[in-house]
Amino acid sequence: MKTSELTVTRVGNSRGVRLPADVLRRYQIGDTLLMEQRPDEIVLRPKRSRRQKLTWVETYQQMAQTEEDWSDWEALPEGLKDVPGEAAQ
């Protein structure tokens, strides 16, 4: 884990820190951060929009659209009946 020292600067009546551009790109930080206050530290995290997970059918349809050769892949549905939240079709 890399540690960096940042300067706290005055922003009106508040204080702020400037995050380096490479950090903003690496963690895909936009206009909003989430701040978690812990007893001994402050944790900043990028606010990410929650994308809905694809169903198995949607996943298959997207894979089919790529027109890749999936013939090397084992096509047996072993274990699929045990996947939670999705009935085998």
Protein backbone atom coordinates (compact mmCIF):
# COMPACT_ATOMS: atom_id res chain seq x y z
CA MET A 1 0.00 0.00 0.00
CA LYS A 2 1.47 3.33 -1.06
CA THR A 3 1.29 6.29 1.33
CA SER A 4 1.38 9.88 0.08
CA GLU A 5 1.48 13.11 2.04
CA LEU A 6 -1.09 15.65 0.84
CA THR A 7 -1.37 19.28 1.85
CA VAL A 8 -4.63 20.45 3.41
CA THR A 9 -5.58 23.78 1.82
CA ARG A 10 -8.19 26.39 2.67
CA VAL A 11 -11.31 26.32 0.46
CA GLY A 12 -13.59 29.12 1.67
CA ASN A 13 -14.54 28.26 5.27
CA SER A 14 -13.62 24.60 4.73
CA ARG A 15 -10.43 22.68 4.03
CA GLY A 16 -9.61 20.42 1.10
CA VAL A 17 -6.93 18.19 -0.39
CA ARG A 18 -5.90 17.88 -4.02
CA LEU A 19 -5.66 14.39 -5.41
CA PRO A 20 -3.00 13.77 -8.07
CA ALA A 21 -4.30 13.27 -11.63
CA ASP A 22 -2.83 9.75 -11.87
CA VAL A 23 -4.76 8.73 -8.73
CA LEU A 24 -7.99 10.16 -10.16
CA ARG A 25 -7.49 8.14 -13.37
CA ARG A 26 -6.39 4.93 -11.65
CA TYR A 27 -9.41 4.81 -9.34
CA GLN A 28 -11.81 6.38 -11.89
CA ILE A 29 -12.77 9.19 -9.53
CA GLY A 30 -15.36 11.56 -10.95
CA ASP A 31 -17.08 14.44 -9.16
CA THR A 32 -18.11 12.50 -6.05
CA LEU A 33 -16.27 10.56 -3.35
CA LEU A 34 -17.65 8.59 -0.43
CA MET A 35 -16.07 9.43 2.92
CA GLU A 36 -16.07 6.87 5.72
CA GLN A 37 -15.15 8.15 9.18
CA ARG A 38 -13.49 5.56 11.38
CA PRO A 39 -12.16 5.99 14.92
CA ASP A 40 -8.54 6.51 13.79
CA GLU A 41 -8.79 7.32 10.09
CA ILE A 42 -10.77 8.73 7.19
CA VAL A 43 -11.30 6.52 4.13
CA LEU A 44 -12.17 8.04 0.74
CA ARG A 45 -13.66 5.82 -1.97
CA PRO A 46 -14.91 6.56 -5.47
CA LYS A 47 -18.69 6.58 -5.71
CA ARG A 48 -19.58 3.99 -8.31
CA SER A 49 -22.94 3.49 -9.90
CA ARG A 50 -24.22 0.01 -9.25
CA ARG A 51 -24.75 -1.79 -12.51
CA GLN A 52 -27.33 -4.51 -12.49
CA LYS A 53 -25.90 -7.98 -13.00
CA LEU A 54 -26.71 -9.75 -16.24
CA THR A 55 -28.80 -12.90 -16.22
CA TRP A 56 -27.32 -16.08 -17.70
CA VAL A 57 -29.42 -15.55 -20.84
CA GLU A 58 -28.18 -11.95 -21.25
CA THR A 59 -24.60 -13.10 -20.69
CA TYR A 60 -25.00 -15.80 -23.36
CA GLN A 61 -26.53 -13.29 -25.80
CA GLN A 62 -23.64 -10.86 -25.32
CA MET A 63 -21.09 -13.65 -25.76
CA ALA A 64 -22.87 -14.77 -28.96
CA GLN A 65 -22.70 -11.22 -30.35
CA THR A 66 -18.90 -11.16 -30.04
CA GLU A 67 -18.69 -13.90 -32.70
CA GLU A 68 -15.71 -15.46 -30.92
CA ASP A 69 -14.91 -19.14 -31.27
CA TRP A 70 -15.93 -20.68 -27.94
CA SER A 71 -15.58 -24.27 -29.17
CA ASP A 72 -12.55 -24.95 -26.91
CA TRP A 73 -14.71 -24.27 -23.86
CA GLU A 74 -16.35 -27.17 -22.11
CA ALA A 75 -20.07 -26.87 -22.79
CA LEU A 76 -21.36 -29.17 -20.07
CA PRO A 77 -23.73 -27.46 -17.61
CA GLU A 78 -22.04 -29.15 -14.65
CA GLY A 79 -22.90 -27.34 -11.43
CA LEU A 80 -25.34 -24.86 -12.97
CA LYS A 81 -28.26 -26.33 -11.05
CA ASP A 82 -26.48 -25.16 -7.87
CA VAL A 83 -26.19 -21.49 -8.97
CA PRO A 84 -28.32 -19.39 -6.57
CA GLY A 85 -30.89 -16.95 -7.87
CA GLU A 86 -31.29 -18.41 -11.35
CA ALA A 87 -33.39 -21.39 -12.38
CA ALA A 88 -31.84 -23.75 -14.93
CA GLN A 89 -33.46 -23.27 -18.33
